[in-house]
Amino acid sequence: MTGRPARVLLVEDNDLFRETLELLLELRTEVTVVGSAANGDEAVELCTRLEPDVVLVDYRMPGMNGAETTRAVLTAAPQTSVICLTASVAADEIEELRAAGAVACITKDQKLDQLVLAVCEAAAS
């Protein structure tokens, strides 16, 4: 990644959380939110158009879960890095996410600085 902000796509089925996270991330100079989706199908479509550096994916969503969404996103946009952002995740789910290609799994209770750092690291890889 160059000195430009990391281009991020948010994938979260909880509208309030997604909108709040988008507002918080937009306050940071290191990150630009280029789009948001409520489910995996929307995420795949947006990835092909927006070409984000990083996709933040919730694990538990209706339709495709986070691992399925990760696989589909990386098929549609292989240059993108995927980070799972979830309320809680079990060890087997983390393994499933890693196998699908996610570079990290972060819980929603982490500090915003930690999330931004993970996004920047993923965008730089």
C-alpha atoms as a PDB file:
ATOM      1  CA  MET A   1       0.000   0.000   0.000  1.00  0.00           C
ATOM      2  CA  THR A   2       1.160   3.531  -0.663  1.00  0.00           C
ATOM      3  CA  GLY A   3       0.718   6.488   1.660  1.00  0.00           C
ATOM      4  CA  ARG A   4      -2.966   6.677   0.801  1.00  0.00           C
ATOM      5  CA  PRO A   5      -5.655   5.569   3.269  1.00  0.00           C
ATOM      6  CA  ALA A   6      -6.692   1.909   3.269  1.00  0.00           C
ATOM      7  CA  ARG A   7      -9.869   1.444   1.212  1.00  0.00           C
ATOM      8  CA  VAL A   8     -12.345  -0.560   3.319  1.00  0.00           C
ATOM      9  CA  LEU A   9     -15.632  -2.297   2.607  1.00  0.00           C
ATOM     10  CA  LEU A  10     -17.812  -3.113   5.641  1.00  0.00           C
ATOM     11  CA  VAL A  11     -19.994  -6.238   5.625  1.00  0.00           C
ATOM     12  CA  GLU A  12     -22.337  -6.327   8.607  1.00  0.00           C
ATOM     13  CA  ASP A  13     -26.013  -7.269   8.853  1.00  0.00           C
ATOM     14  CA  ASN A  14     -26.677  -5.047  11.900  1.00  0.00           C
ATOM     15  CA  ASP A  15     -27.443  -1.673  10.308  1.00  0.00           C
ATOM     16  CA  LEU A  16     -26.792   0.364  13.462  1.00  0.00           C
ATOM     17  CA  PHE A  17     -23.413  -1.270  14.128  1.00  0.00           C
ATOM     18  CA  ARG A  18     -22.382  -0.962  10.468  1.00  0.00           C
ATOM     19  CA  GLU A  19     -23.342   2.715  10.273  1.00  0.00           C
ATOM     20  CA  THR A  20     -21.648   3.506  13.590  1.00  0.00           C
ATOM     21  CA  LEU A  21     -18.454   1.714  12.588  1.00  0.00           C
ATOM     22  CA  GLU A  22     -18.458   3.541   9.273  1.00  0.00           C
ATOM     23  CA  LEU A  23     -18.720   6.900  11.062  1.00  0.00           C
ATOM     24  CA  LEU A  24     -15.918   5.992  13.486  1.00  0.00           C
ATOM     25  CA  LEU A  25     -13.616   4.748  10.735  1.00  0.00           C
ATOM     26  CA  GLU A  26     -14.243   7.855   8.644  1.00  0.00           C
ATOM     27  CA  LEU A  27     -12.793   9.925  11.509  1.00  0.00           C
ATOM     28  CA  ARG A  28      -9.450   8.198  10.948  1.00  0.00           C
ATOM     29  CA  THR A  29      -7.054   9.454   8.288  1.00  0.00           C
ATOM     30  CA  GLU A  30      -5.588   5.961   7.767  1.00  0.00           C
ATOM     31  CA  VAL A  31      -8.889   4.525   6.485  1.00  0.00           C
ATOM     32  CA  THR A  32     -11.483   5.381   3.849  1.00  0.00           C
ATOM     33  CA  VAL A  33     -14.752   3.448   3.864  1.00  0.00           C
ATOM     34  CA  VAL A  34     -15.578   2.914   0.196  1.00  0.00           C
ATOM     35  CA  GLY A  35     -18.794   0.973   0.760  1.00  0.00           C
ATOM     36  CA  SER A  36     -20.910  -1.135   3.045  1.00  0.00           C
ATOM     37  CA  ALA A  37     -23.028  -4.233   2.597  1.00  0.00           C
ATOM     38  CA  ALA A  38     -25.614  -5.995   4.730  1.00  0.00           C
ATOM     39  CA  ASN A  39     -24.735  -9.499   3.503  1.00  0.00           C
ATOM     40  CA  GLY A  40     -22.232 -11.600   1.602  1.00  0.00           C
ATOM     41  CA  ASP A  41     -23.967 -11.362  -1.760  1.00  0.00           C
ATOM     42  CA  GLU A  42     -23.883  -7.550  -1.641  1.00  0.00           C
ATOM     43  CA  ALA A  43     -20.239  -7.679  -0.545  1.00  0.00           C
ATOM     44  CA  VAL A  44     -19.164  -9.737  -3.540  1.00  0.00           C
ATOM     45  CA  GLU A  45     -20.943  -7.407  -5.957  1.00  0.00           C
ATOM     46  CA  LEU A  46     -19.411  -4.314  -4.315  1.00  0.00           C
ATOM     47  CA  CYS A  47     -15.907  -5.831  -4.264  1.00  0.00           C
ATOM     48  CA  THR A  48     -15.903  -6.271  -8.009  1.00  0.00           C
ATOM     49  CA  ARG A  49     -16.894  -2.625  -8.505  1.00  0.00           C
ATOM     50  CA  LEU A  50     -15.068  -0.854  -5.665  1.00  0.00           C
ATOM     51  CA  GLU A  51     -11.857  -2.922  -5.406  1.00  0.00           C
ATOM     52  CA  PRO A  52     -11.284  -2.321  -1.665  1.00  0.00           C
ATOM     53  CA  ASP A  53      -7.945  -3.051  -0.031  1.00  0.00           C
ATOM     54  CA  VAL A  54      -9.647  -4.660   2.967  1.00  0.00           C
ATOM     55  CA  VAL A  55     -13.077  -6.143   3.617  1.00  0.00           C
ATOM     56  CA  LEU A  56     -14.294  -6.263   7.231  1.00  0.00           C
ATOM     57  CA  VAL A  57     -16.743  -9.165   7.439  1.00  0.00           C
ATOM     58  CA  ASP A  58     -19.084 -10.108  10.272  1.00  0.00           C
ATOM     59  CA  TYR A  59     -19.119 -13.854  10.958  1.00  0.00           C
ATOM     60  CA  ARG A  60     -22.786 -14.401  11.805  1.00  0.00           C
ATOM     61  CA  MET A  61     -25.039 -13.102   9.038  1.00  0.00           C
ATOM     62  CA  PRO A  62     -28.131 -14.425   7.302  1.00  0.00           C
ATOM     63  CA  GLY A  63     -27.311 -16.253   4.091  1.00  0.00           C
ATOM     64  CA  MET A  64     -23.557 -16.657   3.778  1.00  0.00           C
ATOM     65  CA  ASN A  65     -21.598 -16.679   7.025  1.00  0.00           C
ATOM     66  CA  GLY A  66     -18.251 -14.891   7.371  1.00  0.00           C
ATOM     67  CA  ALA A  67     -16.178 -17.791   6.047  1.00  0.00           C
ATOM     68  CA  GLU A  68     -18.433 -18.298   3.027  1.00  0.00           C
ATOM     69  CA  THR A  69     -18.388 -14.550   2.364  1.00  0.00           C
ATOM     70  CA  THR A  70     -14.581 -14.529   2.680  1.00  0.00           C
ATOM     71  CA  ARG A  71     -14.261 -17.277   0.052  1.00  0.00           C
ATOM     72  CA  ALA A  72     -16.651 -15.515  -2.317  1.00  0.00           C
ATOM     73  CA  VAL A  73     -14.980 -12.109  -1.856  1.00  0.00           C
ATOM     74  CA  LEU A  74     -11.509 -13.516  -2.475  1.00  0.00           C
ATOM     75  CA  THR A  75     -12.732 -15.321  -5.597  1.00  0.00           C
ATOM     76  CA  ALA A  76     -14.227 -12.072  -6.919  1.00  0.00           C
ATOM     77  CA  ALA A  77     -11.378  -9.814  -5.758  1.00  0.00           C
ATOM     78  CA  PRO A  78      -8.216 -11.829  -5.022  1.00  0.00           C
ATOM     79  CA  GLN A  79      -6.147  -8.690  -4.344  1.00  0.00           C
ATOM     80  CA  THR A  80      -8.368  -7.879  -1.339  1.00  0.00           C
ATOM     81  CA  SER A  81      -7.547  -8.829   2.253  1.00  0.00           C
ATOM     82  CA  VAL A  82     -10.377 -10.003   4.512  1.00  0.00           C
ATOM     83  CA  ILE A  83     -10.631  -9.446   8.259  1.00  0.00           C
ATOM     84  CA  CYS A  84     -13.438 -11.012  10.238  1.00  0.00           C
ATOM     85  CA  LEU A  85     -15.003  -8.650  12.774  1.00  0.00           C
ATOM     86  CA  THR A  86     -17.377 -10.471  15.095  1.00  0.00           C
ATOM     87  CA  ALA A  87     -18.967 -10.335  18.540  1.00  0.00           C
ATOM     88  CA  SER A  88     -17.600 -13.755  19.434  1.00  0.00           C
ATOM     89  CA  VAL A  89     -16.010 -16.571  17.537  1.00  0.00           C
ATOM     90  CA  ALA A  90     -15.191 -20.169  18.441  1.00  0.00           C
ATOM     91  CA  ALA A  91     -11.841 -21.823  17.715  1.00  0.00           C
ATOM     92  CA  ASP A  92     -13.330 -23.955  14.929  1.00  0.00           C
ATOM     93  CA  GLU A  93     -14.836 -20.843  13.333  1.00  0.00           C
ATOM     94  CA  ILE A  94     -11.433 -19.126  13.404  1.00  0.00           C
ATOM     95  CA  GLU A  95      -9.944 -22.170  11.668  1.00  0.00           C
ATOM     96  CA  GLU A  96     -12.733 -22.033   9.074  1.00  0.00           C
ATOM     97  CA  LEU A  97     -12.079 -18.314   8.501  1.00  0.00           C
ATOM     98  CA  ARG A  98      -8.326 -18.839   8.119  1.00  0.00           C
ATOM     99  CA  ALA A  99      -8.920 -21.723   5.707  1.00  0.00           C
ATOM    100  CA  ALA A 100     -11.218 -19.443   3.706  1.00  0.00           C
ATOM    101  CA  GLY A 101      -8.433 -16.861   3.451  1.00  0.00           C
ATOM    102  CA  ALA A 102      -9.133 -14.329   6.223  1.00  0.00           C
ATOM    103  CA  VAL A 103      -5.933 -12.657   7.426  1.00  0.00           C
ATOM    104  CA  ALA A 104      -7.260 -11.855  10.907  1.00  0.00           C
ATOM    105  CA  CYS A 105     -10.240 -12.242  13.220  1.00  0.00           C
ATOM    106  CA  ILE A 106     -11.025  -9.384  15.591  1.00  0.00           C
ATOM    107  CA  THR A 107     -13.799  -9.153  18.159  1.00  0.00           C
ATOM    108  CA  LYS A 108     -16.125  -6.165  18.130  1.00  0.00           C
ATOM    109  CA  ASP A 109     -15.100  -5.199  21.672  1.00  0.00           C
ATOM    110  CA  GLN A 110     -11.518  -4.386  20.587  1.00  0.00           C
ATOM    111  CA  LYS A 111     -10.421  -0.761  20.695  1.00  0.00           C
ATOM    112  CA  LEU A 112     -10.832   1.162  17.441  1.00  0.00           C
ATOM    113  CA  ASP A 113      -7.047   1.710  17.319  1.00  0.00           C
ATOM    114  CA  GLN A 114      -6.511  -2.060  17.211  1.00  0.00           C
ATOM    115  CA  LEU A 115      -8.998  -2.449  14.387  1.00  0.00           C
ATOM    116  CA  VAL A 116      -7.430   0.393  12.388  1.00  0.00           C
ATOM    117  CA  LEU A 117      -3.960  -1.120  12.915  1.00  0.00           C
ATOM    118  CA  ALA A 118      -5.190  -4.512  11.678  1.00  0.00           C
ATOM    119  CA  VAL A 119      -6.773  -2.868   8.622  1.00  0.00           C
ATOM    120  CA  CYS A 120      -3.580  -0.965   7.797  1.00  0.00           C
ATOM    121  CA  GLU A 121      -1.446  -4.088   8.201  1.00  0.00           C
ATOM    122  CA  ALA A 122      -3.819  -6.096   5.996  1.00  0.00           C
ATOM    123  CA  ALA A 123      -3.842  -3.369   3.347  1.00  0.00           C
ATOM    124  CA  ALA A 124      -0.049  -3.260   3.322  1.00  0.00           C
ATOM    125  CA  SER A 125       0.316  -7.023   2.801  1.00  0.00           C
END
